[in-house]
Amino acid sequence: MWPWGHLAVAYLLYIVITHRRFGRPPRAVPAIAL
């Protein structure tokens, strides 16, 4: 079984890091989420 809880946390951290680095969330993230 995949650790979905840890995966979700890592995903949120990735969004926060990219948002701070580029000033806006990457457009590829919502596409991957959907």
N, C-alpha and C. Protein backbone atom coordinates (compact mmCIF):
# COMPACT_ATOMS: atom_id res chain seq x y z
N MET A 1 0.84 -1.21 0.00
CA MET A 1 0.00 0.00 0.00
C MET A 1 0.88 1.25 0.00
N TRP A 2 0.46 2.22 -0.79
CA TRP A 2 1.22 3.46 -0.85
C TRP A 2 0.87 4.34 0.34
N PRO A 3 1.88 5.01 0.90
CA PRO A 3 1.62 5.94 2.02
C PRO A 3 0.98 7.23 1.50
N TRP A 4 -0.33 7.19 1.25
CA TRP A 4 -1.00 8.35 0.64
C TRP A 4 -0.90 9.59 1.51
N GLY A 5 -0.88 9.41 2.83
CA GLY A 5 -0.77 10.56 3.73
C GLY A 5 0.55 11.29 3.51
N HIS A 6 1.64 10.54 3.45
CA HIS A 6 2.96 11.14 3.24
C HIS A 6 3.04 11.72 1.84
N LEU A 7 2.43 11.05 0.89
CA LEU A 7 2.46 11.54 -0.49
C LEU A 7 1.73 12.88 -0.59
N ALA A 8 0.61 13.00 0.10
CA ALA A 8 -0.16 14.25 0.08
C ALA A 8 0.65 15.38 0.72
N VAL A 9 1.33 15.08 1.82
CA VAL A 9 2.15 16.10 2.49
C VAL A 9 3.28 16.55 1.57
N ALA A 10 3.95 15.61 0.93
CA ALA A 10 5.04 15.95 0.01
C ALA A 10 4.51 16.77 -1.15
N TYR A 11 3.31 16.44 -1.63
CA TYR A 11 2.69 17.17 -2.73
C TYR A 11 2.42 18.62 -2.33
N LEU A 12 1.88 18.81 -1.13
CA LEU A 12 1.59 20.16 -0.65
C LEU A 12 2.88 20.95 -0.46
N LEU A 13 3.91 20.30 0.07
CA LEU A 13 5.20 20.97 0.25
C LEU A 13 5.77 21.38 -1.10
N TYR A 14 5.62 20.53 -2.11
CA TYR A 14 6.10 20.84 -3.45
C TYR A 14 5.40 22.08 -3.99
N ILE A 15 4.08 22.17 -3.77
CA ILE A 15 3.33 23.33 -4.24
C ILE A 15 3.82 24.60 -3.54
N VAL A 16 4.03 24.51 -2.23
CA VAL A 16 4.48 25.68 -1.46
C VAL A 16 5.86 26.13 -1.93
N ILE A 17 6.77 25.18 -2.13
CA ILE A 17 8.13 25.51 -2.56
C ILE A 17 8.12 26.15 -3.93
N THR A 18 7.37 25.58 -4.87
CA THR A 18 7.32 26.14 -6.21
C THR A 18 6.64 27.50 -6.20
N HIS A 19 5.64 27.68 -5.34
CA HIS A 19 4.94 28.96 -5.25
C HIS A 19 5.90 30.04 -4.74
N ARG A 20 6.71 29.69 -3.75
CA ARG A 20 7.67 30.66 -3.21
C ARG A 20 8.77 30.95 -4.22
N ARG A 21 9.16 29.94 -5.00
CA ARG A 21 10.29 30.10 -5.91
C ARG A 21 9.89 30.88 -7.16
N PHE A 22 8.73 30.58 -7.72
CA PHE A 22 8.32 31.20 -8.97
C PHE A 22 7.31 32.33 -8.77
N GLY A 23 6.76 32.42 -7.56
CA GLY A 23 5.79 33.47 -7.30
C GLY A 23 4.38 33.08 -7.69
N ARG A 24 4.25 31.92 -8.30
CA ARG A 24 2.92 31.42 -8.66
C ARG A 24 3.01 29.90 -8.80
N PRO A 25 1.94 29.19 -8.50
CA PRO A 25 1.97 27.73 -8.63
C PRO A 25 2.07 27.32 -10.10
N PRO A 26 2.87 26.32 -10.41
CA PRO A 26 3.00 25.87 -11.79
C PRO A 26 1.68 25.35 -12.34
N ARG A 27 1.45 25.58 -13.63
CA ARG A 27 0.19 25.17 -14.23
C ARG A 27 0.10 23.66 -14.41
N ALA A 28 1.23 22.98 -14.35
CA ALA A 28 1.23 21.53 -14.55
C ALA A 28 0.67 20.81 -13.33
N VAL A 29 0.74 21.45 -12.17
CA VAL A 29 0.30 20.79 -10.93
C VAL A 29 -1.19 20.47 -10.95
N PRO A 30 -2.07 21.43 -11.30
CA PRO A 30 -3.50 21.09 -11.35
C PRO A 30 -3.80 20.01 -12.38
N ALA A 31 -3.07 20.01 -13.48
CA ALA A 31 -3.29 19.01 -14.52
C ALA A 31 -2.94 17.62 -13.99
N ILE A 32 -1.84 17.52 -13.23
CA ILE A 32 -1.44 16.23 -12.67
C ILE A 32 -2.44 15.79 -11.60
N ALA A 33 -2.94 16.77 -10.83
CA ALA A 33 -3.89 16.44 -9.76
C ALA A 33 -5.19 15.91 -10.35
N LEU A 34 -5.61 16.48 -11.48
CA LEU A 34 -6.85 16.02 -12.10
C LEU A 34 -6.59 14.73 -12.87
